[in-house]
All heavy atoms as atom14 arrays in JSON, in Angstrom:
{
  "sequence": "TEVPVIFGVITTDTIEQAIERAGTKAGNKGRDAAETALEMANLMDQL",
  "atom14_mask": [
    [1, 1, 1, 1, 1, 1, 1, 0, 0, 0, 0, 0, 0, 0],
    [1, 1, 1, 1, 1, 1, 1, 1, 1, 0, 0, 0, 0, 0],
    [1, 1, 1, 1, 1, 1, 1, 0, 0, 0, 0, 0, 0, 0],
    [1, 1, 1, 1, 1, 1, 1, 0, 0, 0, 0, 0, 0, 0],
    [1, 1, 1, 1, 1, 1, 1, 0, 0, 0, 0, 0, 0, 0],
    [1, 1, 1, 1, 1, 1, 1, 1, 0, 0, 0, 0, 0, 0],
    [1, 1, 1, 1, 1, 1, 1, 1, 1, 1, 1, 0, 0, 0],
    [1, 1, 1, 1, 0, 0, 0, 0, 0, 0, 0, 0, 0, 0],
    [1, 1, 1, 1, 1, 1, 1, 0, 0, 0, 0, 0, 0, 0],
    [1, 1, 1, 1, 1, 1, 1, 1, 0, 0, 0, 0, 0, 0],
    [1, 1, 1, 1, 1, 1, 1, 0, 0, 0, 0, 0, 0, 0],
    [1, 1, 1, 1, 1, 1, 1, 0, 0, 0, 0, 0, 0, 0],
    [1, 1, 1, 1, 1, 1, 1, 1, 0, 0, 0, 0, 0, 0],
    [1, 1, 1, 1, 1, 1, 1, 0, 0, 0, 0, 0, 0, 0],
    [1, 1, 1, 1, 1, 1, 1, 1, 0, 0, 0, 0, 0, 0],
    [1, 1, 1, 1, 1, 1, 1, 1, 1, 0, 0, 0, 0, 0],
    [1, 1, 1, 1, 1, 1, 1, 1, 1, 0, 0, 0, 0, 0],
    [1, 1, 1, 1, 1, 0, 0, 0, 0, 0, 0, 0, 0, 0],
    [1, 1, 1, 1, 1, 1, 1, 1, 0, 0, 0, 0, 0, 0],
    [1, 1, 1, 1, 1, 1, 1, 1, 1, 0, 0, 0, 0, 0],
    [1, 1, 1, 1, 1, 1, 1, 1, 1, 1, 1, 0, 0, 0],
    [1, 1, 1, 1, 1, 0, 0, 0, 0, 0, 0, 0, 0, 0],
    [1, 1, 1, 1, 0, 0, 0, 0, 0, 0, 0, 0, 0, 0],
    [1, 1, 1, 1, 1, 1, 1, 0, 0, 0, 0, 0, 0, 0],
    [1, 1, 1, 1, 1, 1, 1, 1, 1, 0, 0, 0, 0, 0],
    [1, 1, 1, 1, 1, 0, 0, 0, 0, 0, 0, 0, 0, 0],
    [1, 1, 1, 1, 0, 0, 0, 0, 0, 0, 0, 0, 0, 0],
    [1, 1, 1, 1, 1, 1, 1, 1, 0, 0, 0, 0, 0, 0],
    [1, 1, 1, 1, 1, 1, 1, 1, 1, 0, 0, 0, 0, 0],
    [1, 1, 1, 1, 0, 0, 0, 0, 0, 0, 0, 0, 0, 0],
    [1, 1, 1, 1, 1, 1, 1, 1, 1, 1, 1, 0, 0, 0],
    [1, 1, 1, 1, 1, 1, 1, 1, 0, 0, 0, 0, 0, 0],
    [1, 1, 1, 1, 1, 0, 0, 0, 0, 0, 0, 0, 0, 0],
    [1, 1, 1, 1, 1, 0, 0, 0, 0, 0, 0, 0, 0, 0],
    [1, 1, 1, 1, 1, 1, 1, 1, 1, 0, 0, 0, 0, 0],
    [1, 1, 1, 1, 1, 1, 1, 0, 0, 0, 0, 0, 0, 0],
    [1, 1, 1, 1, 1, 0, 0, 0, 0, 0, 0, 0, 0, 0],
    [1, 1, 1, 1, 1, 1, 1, 1, 0, 0, 0, 0, 0, 0],
    [1, 1, 1, 1, 1, 1, 1, 1, 1, 0, 0, 0, 0, 0],
    [1, 1, 1, 1, 1, 1, 1, 1, 0, 0, 0, 0, 0, 0],
    [1, 1, 1, 1, 1, 0, 0, 0, 0, 0, 0, 0, 0, 0],
    [1, 1, 1, 1, 1, 1, 1, 1, 0, 0, 0, 0, 0, 0],
    [1, 1, 1, 1, 1, 1, 1, 1, 0, 0, 0, 0, 0, 0],
    [1, 1, 1, 1, 1, 1, 1, 1, 0, 0, 0, 0, 0, 0],
    [1, 1, 1, 1, 1, 1, 1, 1, 0, 0, 0, 0, 0, 0],
    [1, 1, 1, 1, 1, 1, 1, 1, 1, 0, 0, 0, 0, 0],
    [1, 1, 1, 1, 1, 1, 1, 1, 0, 0, 0, 0, 0, 0]
  ],
  "atom14_positions": [
    [[18.1, 5.4, -0.1], [17.78, 6.81, -0.35], [17.22, 7.52, 0.88], [17.15, 8.74, 0.88], [16.74, 6.94, -1.48], [15.52, 6.3, -1.07], [17.26, 6.33, -2.77], [0.0, 0.0, 0.0], [0.0, 0.0, 0.0], [0.0, 0.0, 0.0], [0.0, 0.0, 0.0], [0.0, 0.0, 0.0], [0.0, 0.0, 0.0], [0.0, 0.0, 0.0]],
    [[16.8, 6.76, 1.89], [16.14, 7.31, 3.08], [14.85, 8.06, 2.73], [14.43, 8.98, 3.41], [17.08, 8.18, 3.9], [18.24, 7.4, 4.47], [19.12, 8.2, 5.4], [18.91, 9.43, 5.56], [20.04, 7.6, 5.97], [0.0, 0.0, 0.0], [0.0, 0.0, 0.0], [0.0, 0.0, 0.0], [0.0, 0.0, 0.0], [0.0, 0.0, 0.0]],
    [[14.24, 7.66, 1.62], [12.92, 8.14, 1.21], [11.96, 6.97, 1.39], [12.28, 5.86, 0.96], [12.93, 8.62, -0.25], [11.53, 8.94, -0.75], [13.85, 9.82, -0.42], [0.0, 0.0, 0.0], [0.0, 0.0, 0.0], [0.0, 0.0, 0.0], [0.0, 0.0, 0.0], [0.0, 0.0, 0.0], [0.0, 0.0, 0.0], [0.0, 0.0, 0.0]],
    [[10.81, 7.18, 2.02], [9.86, 6.08, 2.13], [9.44, 5.57, 0.75], [8.97, 6.32, -0.09], [8.66, 6.72, 2.86], [9.23, 7.89, 3.58], [10.34, 8.4, 2.69], [0.0, 0.0, 0.0], [0.0, 0.0, 0.0], [0.0, 0.0, 0.0], [0.0, 0.0, 0.0], [0.0, 0.0, 0.0], [0.0, 0.0, 0.0], [0.0, 0.0, 0.0]],
    [[9.66, 4.29, 0.52], [9.26, 3.61, -0.71], [8.28, 2.54, -0.26], [8.67, 1.56, 0.37], [10.47, 3.03, -1.46], [10.01, 2.31, -2.73], [11.47, 4.13, -1.8], [0.0, 0.0, 0.0], [0.0, 0.0, 0.0], [0.0, 0.0, 0.0], [0.0, 0.0, 0.0], [0.0, 0.0, 0.0], [0.0, 0.0, 0.0], [0.0, 0.0, 0.0]],
    [[7.03, 2.76, -0.57], [5.96, 1.95, -0.01], [5.64, 0.77, -0.92], [5.36, 0.94, -2.11], [4.69, 2.81, 0.21], [5.04, 4.11, 0.96], [3.62, 2.0, 0.93], [5.78, 3.95, 2.26], [0.0, 0.0, 0.0], [0.0, 0.0, 0.0], [0.0, 0.0, 0.0], [0.0, 0.0, 0.0], [0.0, 0.0, 0.0], [0.0, 0.0, 0.0]],
    [[5.63, -0.42, -0.35], [5.41, -1.65, -1.09], [3.91, -1.94, -1.14], [3.32, -2.47, -0.2], [6.15, -2.81, -0.41], [6.09, -4.09, -1.19], [6.87, -4.26, -2.32], [5.28, -5.13, -0.78], [6.84, -5.46, -3.03], [5.24, -6.33, -1.49], [6.02, -6.49, -2.61], [0.0, 0.0, 0.0], [0.0, 0.0, 0.0], [0.0, 0.0, 0.0]],
    [[3.29, -1.57, -2.25], [1.88, -1.83, -2.47], [1.68, -2.83, -3.59], [0.7, -2.76, -4.32], [0.0, 0.0, 0.0], [0.0, 0.0, 0.0], [0.0, 0.0, 0.0], [0.0, 0.0, 0.0], [0.0, 0.0, 0.0], [0.0, 0.0, 0.0], [0.0, 0.0, 0.0], [0.0, 0.0, 0.0], [0.0, 0.0, 0.0], [0.0, 0.0, 0.0]],
    [[2.61, -3.74, -3.72], [2.52, -4.76, -4.76], [1.83, -5.98, -4.15], [2.29, -6.51, -3.14], [3.91, -5.16, -5.29], [3.81, -6.26, -6.33], [4.63, -3.94, -5.86], [0.0, 0.0, 0.0], [0.0, 0.0, 0.0], [0.0, 0.0, 0.0], [0.0, 0.0, 0.0], [0.0, 0.0, 0.0], [0.0, 0.0, 0.0], [0.0, 0.0, 0.0]],
    [[0.73, -6.39, -4.76], [0.03, -7.56, -4.24], [0.59, -8.81, -4.91], [0.94, -8.79, -6.1], [-1.49, -7.46, -4.41], [-1.9, -7.25, -5.87], [-2.05, -6.34, -3.55], [-3.39, -7.27, -6.1], [0.0, 0.0, 0.0], [0.0, 0.0, 0.0], [0.0, 0.0, 0.0], [0.0, 0.0, 0.0], [0.0, 0.0, 0.0], [0.0, 0.0, 0.0]],
    [[0.73, -9.87, -4.13], [1.24, -11.14, -4.62], [0.2, -12.2, -4.25], [-0.02, -12.45, -3.07], [2.61, -11.46, -4.01], [2.5, -11.48, -2.58], [3.63, -10.41, -4.42], [0.0, 0.0, 0.0], [0.0, 0.0, 0.0], [0.0, 0.0, 0.0], [0.0, 0.0, 0.0], [0.0, 0.0, 0.0], [0.0, 0.0, 0.0], [0.0, 0.0, 0.0]],
    [[-0.43, -12.77, -5.25], [-1.54, -13.69, -4.98], [-1.41, -14.98, -5.77], [-0.66, -15.05, -6.76], [-2.89, -13.03, -5.33], [-2.94, -12.78, -6.74], [-3.09, -11.72, -4.59], [0.0, 0.0, 0.0], [0.0, 0.0, 0.0], [0.0, 0.0, 0.0], [0.0, 0.0, 0.0], [0.0, 0.0, 0.0], [0.0, 0.0, 0.0], [0.0, 0.0, 0.0]],
    [[-2.17, -15.96, -5.34], [-2.2, -17.24, -6.03], [-3.17, -17.24, -7.2], [-3.0, -17.99, -8.15], [-2.57, -18.37, -5.06], [-1.46, -18.66, -4.09], [-0.28, -18.6, -4.48], [-1.76, -18.96, -2.91], [0.0, 0.0, 0.0], [0.0, 0.0, 0.0], [0.0, 0.0, 0.0], [0.0, 0.0, 0.0], [0.0, 0.0, 0.0], [0.0, 0.0, 0.0]],
    [[-4.22, -16.39, -7.11], [-5.25, -16.41, -8.15], [-5.65, -14.99, -8.56], [-5.44, -14.03, -7.81], [-6.53, -17.12, -7.64], [-7.11, -16.33, -6.59], [-6.24, -18.53, -7.14], [0.0, 0.0, 0.0], [0.0, 0.0, 0.0], [0.0, 0.0, 0.0], [0.0, 0.0, 0.0], [0.0, 0.0, 0.0], [0.0, 0.0, 0.0], [0.0, 0.0, 0.0]],
    [[-6.25, -14.91, -9.72], [-6.78, -13.63, -10.2], [-7.87, -13.13, -9.25], [-7.93, -11.93, -8.95], [-7.33, -13.78, -11.64], [-6.17, -14.01, -12.6], [-8.14, -12.56, -12.05], [-6.6, -14.41, -14.0], [0.0, 0.0, 0.0], [0.0, 0.0, 0.0], [0.0, 0.0, 0.0], [0.0, 0.0, 0.0], [0.0, 0.0, 0.0], [0.0, 0.0, 0.0]],
    [[-8.67, -14.03, -8.75], [-9.75, -13.63, -7.83], [-9.2, -12.97, -6.57], [-9.74, -11.96, -6.11], [-10.6, -14.86, -7.45], [-11.41, -15.44, -8.58], [-10.6, -16.29, -9.57], [-9.48, -16.73, -9.22], [-11.06, -16.47, -10.72], [0.0, 0.0, 0.0], [0.0, 0.0, 0.0], [0.0, 0.0, 0.0], [0.0, 0.0, 0.0], [0.0, 0.0, 0.0]],
    [[-8.13, -13.53, -6.02], [-7.5, -12.92, -4.84], [-6.96, -11.53, -5.17], [-7.06, -10.61, -4.35], [-6.36, -13.8, -4.33], [-6.8, -15.09, -3.7], [-5.63, -16.0, -3.38], [-4.53, -15.86, -3.94], [-5.86, -16.96, -2.49], [0.0, 0.0, 0.0], [0.0, 0.0, 0.0], [0.0, 0.0, 0.0], [0.0, 0.0, 0.0], [0.0, 0.0, 0.0]],
    [[-6.39, -11.37, -6.34], [-5.86, -10.07, -6.75], [-6.98, -9.04, -6.85], [-6.85, -7.92, -6.36], [-5.12, -10.19, -8.08], [0.0, 0.0, 0.0], [0.0, 0.0, 0.0], [0.0, 0.0, 0.0], [0.0, 0.0, 0.0], [0.0, 0.0, 0.0], [0.0, 0.0, 0.0], [0.0, 0.0, 0.0], [0.0, 0.0, 0.0], [0.0, 0.0, 0.0]],
    [[-8.08, -9.43, -7.46], [-9.22, -8.52, -7.61], [-9.76, -8.13, -6.24], [-10.1, -6.96, -6.0], [-10.3, -9.16, -8.5], [-9.78, -9.26, -9.95], [-11.61, -8.37, -8.45], [-10.64, -10.11, -10.86], [0.0, 0.0, 0.0], [0.0, 0.0, 0.0], [0.0, 0.0, 0.0], [0.0, 0.0, 0.0], [0.0, 0.0, 0.0], [0.0, 0.0, 0.0]],
    [[-9.82, -9.08, -5.31], [-10.29, -8.79, -3.95], [-9.41, -7.74, -3.27], [-9.9, -6.88, -2.56], [-10.31, -10.07, -3.11], [-11.41, -11.02, -3.46], [-11.32, -12.33, -2.69], [-10.42, -12.48, -1.83], [-12.17, -13.2, -2.94], [0.0, 0.0, 0.0], [0.0, 0.0, 0.0], [0.0, 0.0, 0.0], [0.0, 0.0, 0.0], [0.0, 0.0, 0.0]],
    [[-8.1, -7.78, -3.5], [-7.16, -6.87, -2.84], [-7.05, -5.52, -3.57], [-6.41, -4.61, -3.07], [-5.8, -7.54, -2.73], [-5.8, -8.63, -1.67], [-4.59, -9.54, -1.79], [-4.59, -10.56, -0.76], [-5.37, -11.64, -0.74], [-6.23, -11.84, -1.7], [-5.29, -12.52, 0.23], [0.0, 0.0, 0.0], [0.0, 0.0, 0.0], [0.0, 0.0, 0.0]],
    [[-7.67, -5.45, -4.72], [-7.6, -4.21, -5.51], [-8.9, -3.42, -5.45], [-9.13, -2.55, -6.29], [-7.26, -4.54, -6.96], [0.0, 0.0, 0.0], [0.0, 0.0, 0.0], [0.0, 0.0, 0.0], [0.0, 0.0, 0.0], [0.0, 0.0, 0.0], [0.0, 0.0, 0.0], [0.0, 0.0, 0.0], [0.0, 0.0, 0.0], [0.0, 0.0, 0.0]],
    [[-9.73, -3.7, -4.46], [-10.89, -2.84, -4.3], [-12.2, -3.52, -4.0], [-13.23, -2.86, -3.93], [0.0, 0.0, 0.0], [0.0, 0.0, 0.0], [0.0, 0.0, 0.0], [0.0, 0.0, 0.0], [0.0, 0.0, 0.0], [0.0, 0.0, 0.0], [0.0, 0.0, 0.0], [0.0, 0.0, 0.0], [0.0, 0.0, 0.0], [0.0, 0.0, 0.0]],
    [[-12.2, -4.83, -3.78], [-13.48, -5.46, -3.44], [-13.43, -5.94, -1.99], [-13.24, -5.14, -1.09], [-13.85, -6.59, -4.42], [-12.83, -7.59, -4.4], [-14.01, -6.07, -5.84], [0.0, 0.0, 0.0], [0.0, 0.0, 0.0], [0.0, 0.0, 0.0], [0.0, 0.0, 0.0], [0.0, 0.0, 0.0], [0.0, 0.0, 0.0], [0.0, 0.0, 0.0]],
    [[-13.54, -7.22, -1.73], [-13.67, -7.77, -0.38], [-12.53, -7.4, 0.57], [-12.76, -7.14, 1.75], [-13.74, -9.29, -0.44], [-14.99, -9.84, -1.04], [-14.92, -11.36, -0.95], [-15.95, -12.0, -1.83], [-15.83, -13.45, -1.8], [0.0, 0.0, 0.0], [0.0, 0.0, 0.0], [0.0, 0.0, 0.0], [0.0, 0.0, 0.0], [0.0, 0.0, 0.0]],
    [[-11.32, -7.44, 0.1], [-10.15, -7.26, 0.98], [-9.64, -5.83, 0.97], [-8.5, -5.56, 1.32], [-9.04, -8.23, 0.57], [0.0, 0.0, 0.0], [0.0, 0.0, 0.0], [0.0, 0.0, 0.0], [0.0, 0.0, 0.0], [0.0, 0.0, 0.0], [0.0, 0.0, 0.0], [0.0, 0.0, 0.0], [0.0, 0.0, 0.0], [0.0, 0.0, 0.0]],
    [[-10.46, -4.87, 0.58], [-10.03, -3.47, 0.54], [-9.24, -3.17, -0.72], [-9.28, -3.91, -1.69], [0.0, 0.0, 0.0], [0.0, 0.0, 0.0], [0.0, 0.0, 0.0], [0.0, 0.0, 0.0], [0.0, 0.0, 0.0], [0.0, 0.0, 0.0], [0.0, 0.0, 0.0], [0.0, 0.0, 0.0], [0.0, 0.0, 0.0], [0.0, 0.0, 0.0]],
    [[-8.53, -2.06, -0.69], [-7.74, -1.63, -1.84], [-6.32, -1.36, -1.36], [-6.09, -0.42, -0.6], [-8.36, -0.38, -2.47], [-7.66, 0.05, -3.73], [-6.45, 0.19, -3.76], [-8.43, 0.28, -4.79], [0.0, 0.0, 0.0], [0.0, 0.0, 0.0], [0.0, 0.0, 0.0], [0.0, 0.0, 0.0], [0.0, 0.0, 0.0], [0.0, 0.0, 0.0]],
    [[-5.39, -2.19, -1.77], [-4.01, -2.07, -1.31], [-3.34, -0.8, -1.83], [-2.38, -0.31, -1.22], [-3.21, -3.31, -1.68], [-3.75, -4.58, -1.04], [-3.94, -4.43, 0.47], [-4.57, -5.67, 1.07], [-4.96, -5.51, 2.47], [0.0, 0.0, 0.0], [0.0, 0.0, 0.0], [0.0, 0.0, 0.0], [0.0, 0.0, 0.0], [0.0, 0.0, 0.0]],
    [[-3.83, -0.23, -2.92], [-3.33, 1.07, -3.38], [-3.7, 2.16, -2.4], [-2.91, 3.06, -2.09], [0.0, 0.0, 0.0], [0.0, 0.0, 0.0], [0.0, 0.0, 0.0], [0.0, 0.0, 0.0], [0.0, 0.0, 0.0], [0.0, 0.0, 0.0], [0.0, 0.0, 0.0], [0.0, 0.0, 0.0], [0.0, 0.0, 0.0], [0.0, 0.0, 0.0]],
    [[-4.92, 2.1, -1.9], [-5.39, 3.05, -0.88], [-4.53, 2.92, 0.39], [-4.08, 3.91, 0.95], [-6.86, 2.76, -0.58], [-7.52, 3.7, 0.37], [-9.0, 3.38, 0.55], [-9.76, 3.38, -0.7], [-10.16, 4.48, -1.34], [-9.87, 5.66, -0.86], [-10.85, 4.37, -2.45], [0.0, 0.0, 0.0], [0.0, 0.0, 0.0], [0.0, 0.0, 0.0]],
    [[-4.31, 1.68, 0.82], [-3.48, 1.44, 2.02], [-2.07, 1.99, 1.84], [-1.51, 2.6, 2.75], [-3.4, -0.06, 2.32], [-4.75, -0.67, 2.66], [-5.72, 0.06, 2.94], [-4.82, -1.93, 2.64], [0.0, 0.0, 0.0], [0.0, 0.0, 0.0], [0.0, 0.0, 0.0], [0.0, 0.0, 0.0], [0.0, 0.0, 0.0], [0.0, 0.0, 0.0]],
    [[-1.5, 1.76, 0.65], [-0.14, 2.23, 0.39], [-0.06, 3.76, 0.41], [0.91, 4.33, 0.91], [0.36, 1.69, -0.96], [0.0, 0.0, 0.0], [0.0, 0.0, 0.0], [0.0, 0.0, 0.0], [0.0, 0.0, 0.0], [0.0, 0.0, 0.0], [0.0, 0.0, 0.0], [0.0, 0.0, 0.0], [0.0, 0.0, 0.0], [0.0, 0.0, 0.0]],
    [[-1.08, 4.42, -0.11], [-1.11, 5.9, -0.09], [-1.19, 6.43, 1.33], [-0.53, 7.42, 1.67], [-2.27, 6.41, -0.94], [0.0, 0.0, 0.0], [0.0, 0.0, 0.0], [0.0, 0.0, 0.0], [0.0, 0.0, 0.0], [0.0, 0.0, 0.0], [0.0, 0.0, 0.0], [0.0, 0.0, 0.0], [0.0, 0.0, 0.0], [0.0, 0.0, 0.0]],
    [[-1.99, 5.8, 2.17], [-2.07, 6.23, 3.57], [-0.72, 6.06, 4.26], [-0.28, 6.93, 5.01], [-3.15, 5.44, 4.32], [-4.55, 5.86, 3.94], [-5.62, 5.05, 4.67], [-5.29, 4.06, 5.37], [-6.8, 5.43, 4.54], [0.0, 0.0, 0.0], [0.0, 0.0, 0.0], [0.0, 0.0, 0.0], [0.0, 0.0, 0.0], [0.0, 0.0, 0.0]],
    [[-0.06, 4.95, 3.98], [1.26, 4.72, 4.55], [2.25, 5.77, 4.07], [3.06, 6.28, 4.85], [1.76, 3.3, 4.19], [0.83, 2.34, 4.69], [3.14, 3.03, 4.75], [0.0, 0.0, 0.0], [0.0, 0.0, 0.0], [0.0, 0.0, 0.0], [0.0, 0.0, 0.0], [0.0, 0.0, 0.0], [0.0, 0.0, 0.0], [0.0, 0.0, 0.0]],
    [[2.19, 6.12, 2.79], [3.09, 7.14, 2.24], [2.87, 8.49, 2.91], [3.84, 9.19, 3.24], [2.88, 7.26, 0.73], [0.0, 0.0, 0.0], [0.0, 0.0, 0.0], [0.0, 0.0, 0.0], [0.0, 0.0, 0.0], [0.0, 0.0, 0.0], [0.0, 0.0, 0.0], [0.0, 0.0, 0.0], [0.0, 0.0, 0.0], [0.0, 0.0, 0.0]],
    [[1.62, 8.87, 3.11], [1.32, 10.13, 3.8], [1.92, 10.13, 5.2], [2.58, 11.1, 5.61], [-0.19, 10.34, 3.89], [-0.89, 10.88, 2.66], [-2.39, 10.61, 2.73], [-0.62, 12.37, 2.52], [0.0, 0.0, 0.0], [0.0, 0.0, 0.0], [0.0, 0.0, 0.0], [0.0, 0.0, 0.0], [0.0, 0.0, 0.0], [0.0, 0.0, 0.0]],
    [[1.65, 9.06, 5.94], [2.14, 8.99, 7.31], [3.66, 9.01, 7.36], [4.27, 9.71, 8.18], [1.6, 7.74, 7.99], [1.96, 7.67, 9.44], [1.29, 6.54, 10.2], [0.31, 5.95, 9.69], [1.76, 6.26, 11.33], [0.0, 0.0, 0.0], [0.0, 0.0, 0.0], [0.0, 0.0, 0.0], [0.0, 0.0, 0.0], [0.0, 0.0, 0.0]],
    [[4.3, 8.25, 6.49], [5.76, 8.19, 6.49], [6.4, 9.51, 6.05], [7.43, 9.91, 6.6], [6.25, 7.04, 5.62], [6.04, 5.67, 6.23], [6.86, 5.48, 7.84], [8.59, 5.62, 7.35], [0.0, 0.0, 0.0], [0.0, 0.0, 0.0], [0.0, 0.0, 0.0], [0.0, 0.0, 0.0], [0.0, 0.0, 0.0], [0.0, 0.0, 0.0]],
    [[5.8, 10.2, 5.08], [6.33, 11.5, 4.67], [6.31, 12.47, 5.83], [7.3, 13.21, 6.06], [5.53, 12.05, 3.49], [0.0, 0.0, 0.0], [0.0, 0.0, 0.0], [0.0, 0.0, 0.0], [0.0, 0.0, 0.0], [0.0, 0.0, 0.0], [0.0, 0.0, 0.0], [0.0, 0.0, 0.0], [0.0, 0.0, 0.0], [0.0, 0.0, 0.0]],
    [[5.24, 12.46, 6.59], [5.15, 13.34, 7.76], [6.08, 12.9, 8.88], [6.69, 13.74, 9.56], [3.7, 13.4, 8.24], [2.86, 14.26, 7.35], [3.15, 15.42, 7.14], [1.82, 13.69, 6.77], [0.0, 0.0, 0.0], [0.0, 0.0, 0.0], [0.0, 0.0, 0.0], [0.0, 0.0, 0.0], [0.0, 0.0, 0.0], [0.0, 0.0, 0.0]],
    [[6.22, 11.6, 9.06], [7.13, 11.1, 10.09], [8.58, 11.47, 9.78], [9.31, 11.92, 10.67], [7.01, 9.57, 10.2], [7.98, 8.9, 11.17], [7.69, 9.34, 12.61], [7.91, 7.4, 11.03], [0.0, 0.0, 0.0], [0.0, 0.0, 0.0], [0.0, 0.0, 0.0], [0.0, 0.0, 0.0], [0.0, 0.0, 0.0], [0.0, 0.0, 0.0]],
    [[8.97, 11.35, 8.53], [10.36, 11.66, 8.16], [10.69, 13.12, 8.42], [11.85, 13.43, 8.76], [10.6, 11.31, 6.68], [10.46, 9.83, 6.36], [11.5, 8.73, 7.32], [13.08, 9.04, 6.54], [0.0, 0.0, 0.0], [0.0, 0.0, 0.0], [0.0, 0.0, 0.0], [0.0, 0.0, 0.0], [0.0, 0.0, 0.0], [0.0, 0.0, 0.0]],
    [[9.7, 14.0, 8.32], [9.92, 15.42, 8.65], [10.29, 15.61, 10.11], [10.93, 16.61, 10.47], [8.67, 16.25, 8.34], [8.42, 16.44, 6.86], [9.34, 16.18, 6.05], [7.29, 16.85, 6.51], [0.0, 0.0, 0.0], [0.0, 0.0, 0.0], [0.0, 0.0, 0.0], [0.0, 0.0, 0.0], [0.0, 0.0, 0.0], [0.0, 0.0, 0.0]],
    [[9.86, 14.7, 10.95], [10.08, 14.84, 12.4], [11.35, 14.16, 12.9], [11.76, 14.38, 14.05], [8.88, 14.24, 13.15], [7.58, 14.96, 12.86], [6.44, 14.28, 13.57], [6.47, 14.12, 14.79], [5.42, 13.87, 12.83], [0.0, 0.0, 0.0], [0.0, 0.0, 0.0], [0.0, 0.0, 0.0], [0.0, 0.0, 0.0], [0.0, 0.0, 0.0]],
    [[11.94, 13.33, 12.07], [13.11, 12.58, 12.53], [14.4, 13.3, 12.23], [14.52, 14.08, 11.35], [13.13, 11.19, 11.87], [11.96, 10.29, 12.25], [12.04, 8.97, 11.48], [11.96, 10.0, 13.75], [0.0, 0.0, 0.0], [0.0, 0.0, 0.0], [0.0, 0.0, 0.0], [0.0, 0.0, 0.0], [0.0, 0.0, 0.0], [0.0, 0.0, 0.0]]
  ]
}
């Protein structure tokens, strides 16, 4: 589609690892994905 589709799906071995990546020790991967989407939307405007 040439539309940025951002992969913010976490894949973990344990529930604890998942919780860490969803807003505790390892940050929030949803937040990271949103930042990537913003940057890519703006980048695509320039290409």
